[in-house]
Amino acid sequence: MFISEAFAQAAPAAADSPFGSMGGMIFPLLMVVALYFVVLRPQMKRQKEHKTMIEALAKGDEVVIAGGVLGKVSKMGDTYLNVEIANGVEIQVQRSSVIQVLPKGTIK
């Protein structure tokens, strides 16, 4: 009585993509390529540089450890290092926790 019947509108005609059926896939593919060059590739480069630095560690190198502790490498093992952080004070850390190798003579 008071409410009239409602009819759905017809959907507008879809515009043909200039790229054919692949038109919907171009944007996601471009996003994946951009993600690779902006995020993944630089991260892989940093990981490779860190691995090279860890493999090049030698006894007597001055290093910065993940917690910000500075020290000198006193003993080396396959997976662990002993780092002297003060006269007579040594700590044992994993090789991967070394963030940076400092130039000789930085720690006094």
C-alpha atoms as a PDB file:
ATOM      1  CA  MET A   1       0.000   0.000   0.000  1.00  0.00           C
ATOM      2  CA  PHE A   2       2.332   2.698   1.204  1.00  0.00           C
ATOM      3  CA  ILE A   3       5.556   1.058   0.041  1.00  0.00           C
ATOM      4  CA  SER A   4       6.022   0.644  -3.675  1.00  0.00           C
ATOM      5  CA  GLU A   5       7.968  -2.222  -5.139  1.00  0.00           C
ATOM      6  CA  ALA A   6      11.689  -1.633  -5.645  1.00  0.00           C
ATOM      7  CA  PHE A   7      13.469  -2.812  -8.758  1.00  0.00           C
ATOM      8  CA  ALA A   8      17.226  -3.206  -9.089  1.00  0.00           C
ATOM      9  CA  GLN A   9      18.930  -1.016 -11.624  1.00  0.00           C
ATOM     10  CA  ALA A  10      20.690  -2.604 -14.517  1.00  0.00           C
ATOM     11  CA  ALA A  11      24.476  -2.708 -14.192  1.00  0.00           C
ATOM     12  CA  PRO A  12      26.308  -0.251 -16.424  1.00  0.00           C
ATOM     13  CA  ALA A  13      28.041  -1.765 -19.404  1.00  0.00           C
ATOM     14  CA  ALA A  14      31.654  -2.708 -18.657  1.00  0.00           C
ATOM     15  CA  ALA A  15      34.209  -0.692 -20.577  1.00  0.00           C
ATOM     16  CA  ASP A  16      36.591  -2.791 -22.608  1.00  0.00           C
ATOM     17  CA  SER A  17      40.131  -2.689 -21.256  1.00  0.00           C
ATOM     18  CA  PRO A  18      42.751  -1.534 -23.753  1.00  0.00           C
ATOM     19  CA  PHE A  19      44.884  -4.493 -22.585  1.00  0.00           C
ATOM     20  CA  GLY A  20      42.232  -7.140 -23.106  1.00  0.00           C
ATOM     21  CA  SER A  21      41.729  -9.799 -20.475  1.00  0.00           C
ATOM     22  CA  MET A  22      45.170  -9.119 -18.899  1.00  0.00           C
ATOM     23  CA  GLY A  23      44.189  -5.568 -17.945  1.00  0.00           C
ATOM     24  CA  GLY A  24      43.216  -6.602 -14.420  1.00  0.00           C
ATOM     25  CA  MET A  25      46.553  -8.344 -13.825  1.00  0.00           C
ATOM     26  CA  ILE A  26      48.905  -5.530 -14.832  1.00  0.00           C
ATOM     27  CA  PHE A  27      48.512  -3.431 -11.658  1.00  0.00           C
ATOM     28  CA  PRO A  28      49.142  -6.311  -9.196  1.00  0.00           C
ATOM     29  CA  LEU A  29      52.158  -7.432 -11.222  1.00  0.00           C
ATOM     30  CA  LEU A  30      53.564  -3.903 -11.179  1.00  0.00           C
ATOM     31  CA  MET A  31      53.057  -3.799  -7.402  1.00  0.00           C
ATOM     32  CA  VAL A  32      54.999  -7.064  -6.957  1.00  0.00           C
ATOM     33  CA  VAL A  33      57.854  -5.765  -9.121  1.00  0.00           C
ATOM     34  CA  ALA A  34      57.959  -2.481  -7.181  1.00  0.00           C
ATOM     35  CA  LEU A  35      57.942  -4.385  -3.865  1.00  0.00           C
ATOM     36  CA  TYR A  36      60.874  -6.485  -5.048  1.00  0.00           C
ATOM     37  CA  PHE A  37      63.007  -3.476  -5.995  1.00  0.00           C
ATOM     38  CA  VAL A  38      62.040  -1.277  -3.035  1.00  0.00           C
ATOM     39  CA  VAL A  39      62.025  -3.804  -0.170  1.00  0.00           C
ATOM     40  CA  LEU A  40      63.317  -7.274  -0.939  1.00  0.00           C
ATOM     41  CA  ARG A  41      66.400  -6.539  -3.032  1.00  0.00           C
ATOM     42  CA  PRO A  42      67.971  -4.016  -0.596  1.00  0.00           C
ATOM     43  CA  GLN A  43      67.266  -6.390   2.314  1.00  0.00           C
ATOM     44  CA  MET A  44      69.008  -9.264   0.534  1.00  0.00           C
ATOM     45  CA  LYS A  45      71.973  -6.966  -0.161  1.00  0.00           C
ATOM     46  CA  ARG A  46      72.248  -6.022   3.543  1.00  0.00           C
ATOM     47  CA  GLN A  47      72.075  -9.693   4.563  1.00  0.00           C
ATOM     48  CA  LYS A  48      74.848 -10.568   2.128  1.00  0.00           C
ATOM     49  CA  GLU A  49      77.058  -7.722   3.424  1.00  0.00           C
ATOM     50  CA  HIS A  50      76.448  -8.789   7.051  1.00  0.00           C
ATOM     51  CA  LYS A  51      77.326 -12.410   6.257  1.00  0.00           C
ATOM     52  CA  THR A  52      80.554 -11.296   4.543  1.00  0.00           C
ATOM     53  CA  MET A  53      81.451  -9.119   7.561  1.00  0.00           C
ATOM     54  CA  ILE A  54      80.803 -11.998  10.002  1.00  0.00           C
ATOM     55  CA  GLU A  55      82.930 -14.403   7.966  1.00  0.00           C
ATOM     56  CA  ALA A  56      85.788 -11.873   7.826  1.00  0.00           C
ATOM     57  CA  LEU A  57      86.003 -11.408  11.617  1.00  0.00           C
ATOM     58  CA  ALA A  58      89.430 -12.036  13.089  1.00  0.00           C
ATOM     59  CA  LYS A  59      90.957 -12.118  16.544  1.00  0.00           C
ATOM     60  CA  GLY A  60      91.738  -8.589  17.722  1.00  0.00           C
ATOM     61  CA  ASP A  61      88.964  -6.881  15.722  1.00  0.00           C
ATOM     62  CA  GLU A  62      87.037  -4.206  17.572  1.00  0.00           C
ATOM     63  CA  VAL A  63      83.303  -4.784  17.254  1.00  0.00           C
ATOM     64  CA  VAL A  64      79.900  -3.454  18.284  1.00  0.00           C
ATOM     65  CA  ILE A  65      77.473  -6.099  19.536  1.00  0.00           C
ATOM     66  CA  ALA A  66      73.661  -5.967  19.135  1.00  0.00           C
ATOM     67  CA  GLY A  67      73.112  -4.502  22.623  1.00  0.00           C
ATOM     68  CA  GLY A  68      75.452  -1.597  21.853  1.00  0.00           C
ATOM     69  CA  VAL A  69      78.391  -3.126  23.731  1.00  0.00           C
ATOM     70  CA  LEU A  70      81.847  -2.363  22.331  1.00  0.00           C
ATOM     71  CA  GLY A  71      84.678  -4.815  22.696  1.00  0.00           C
ATOM     72  CA  LYS A  72      87.629  -6.615  21.167  1.00  0.00           C
ATOM     73  CA  VAL A  73      87.399 -10.177  19.824  1.00  0.00           C
ATOM     74  CA  SER A  74      89.634 -12.366  22.001  1.00  0.00           C
ATOM     75  CA  LYS A  75      88.632 -15.921  21.030  1.00  0.00           C
ATOM     76  CA  MET A  76      86.786 -17.285  18.038  1.00  0.00           C
ATOM     77  CA  GLY A  77      84.714 -20.410  17.538  1.00  0.00           C
ATOM     78  CA  ASP A  78      82.440 -21.625  14.784  1.00  0.00           C
ATOM     79  CA  THR A  79      79.281 -20.012  16.142  1.00  0.00           C
ATOM     80  CA  TYR A  80      80.461 -18.047  19.193  1.00  0.00           C
ATOM     81  CA  LEU A  81      82.972 -15.285  19.918  1.00  0.00           C
ATOM     82  CA  ASN A  82      84.565 -14.216  23.175  1.00  0.00           C
ATOM     83  CA  VAL A  83      84.621 -10.442  23.320  1.00  0.00           C
ATOM     84  CA  GLU A  84      86.688  -8.555  25.875  1.00  0.00           C
ATOM     85  CA  ILE A  85      84.628  -5.558  26.969  1.00  0.00           C
ATOM     86  CA  ALA A  86      86.975  -4.385  29.751  1.00  0.00           C
ATOM     87  CA  ASN A  87      90.340  -5.479  31.146  1.00  0.00           C
ATOM     88  CA  GLY A  88      89.790  -9.054  32.321  1.00  0.00           C
ATOM     89  CA  VAL A  89      86.059  -9.071  31.483  1.00  0.00           C
ATOM     90  CA  GLU A  90      85.003 -11.310  28.605  1.00  0.00           C
ATOM     91  CA  ILE A  91      81.565 -12.197  27.331  1.00  0.00           C
ATOM     92  CA  GLN A  92      80.584 -14.949  24.955  1.00  0.00           C
ATOM     93  CA  VAL A  93      78.240 -13.947  22.120  1.00  0.00           C
ATOM     94  CA  GLN A  94      76.954 -15.416  18.892  1.00  0.00           C
ATOM     95  CA  ARG A  95      78.757 -14.352  15.747  1.00  0.00           C
ATOM     96  CA  SER A  96      75.500 -13.061  14.253  1.00  0.00           C
ATOM     97  CA  SER A  97      75.097 -10.548  17.103  1.00  0.00           C
ATOM     98  CA  VAL A  98      78.009  -8.481  15.782  1.00  0.00           C
ATOM     99  CA  ILE A  99      76.540  -5.382  14.155  1.00  0.00           C
ATOM    100  CA  GLN A 100      79.646  -3.512  13.089  1.00  0.00           C
ATOM    101  CA  VAL A 101      83.399  -3.901  12.914  1.00  0.00           C
ATOM    102  CA  LEU A 102      85.126  -0.718  14.085  1.00  0.00           C
ATOM    103  CA  PRO A 103      88.422   0.667  12.807  1.00  0.00           C
ATOM    104  CA  LYS A 104      91.471  -0.348  14.853  1.00  0.00           C
ATOM    105  CA  GLY A 105      92.155   1.947  17.821  1.00  0.00           C
ATOM    106  CA  THR A 106      88.554   3.104  18.260  1.00  0.00           C
ATOM    107  CA  ILE A 107      88.241   1.549  21.711  1.00  0.00           C
ATOM    108  CA  LYS A 108      90.696   2.976  24.222  1.00  0.00           C
END
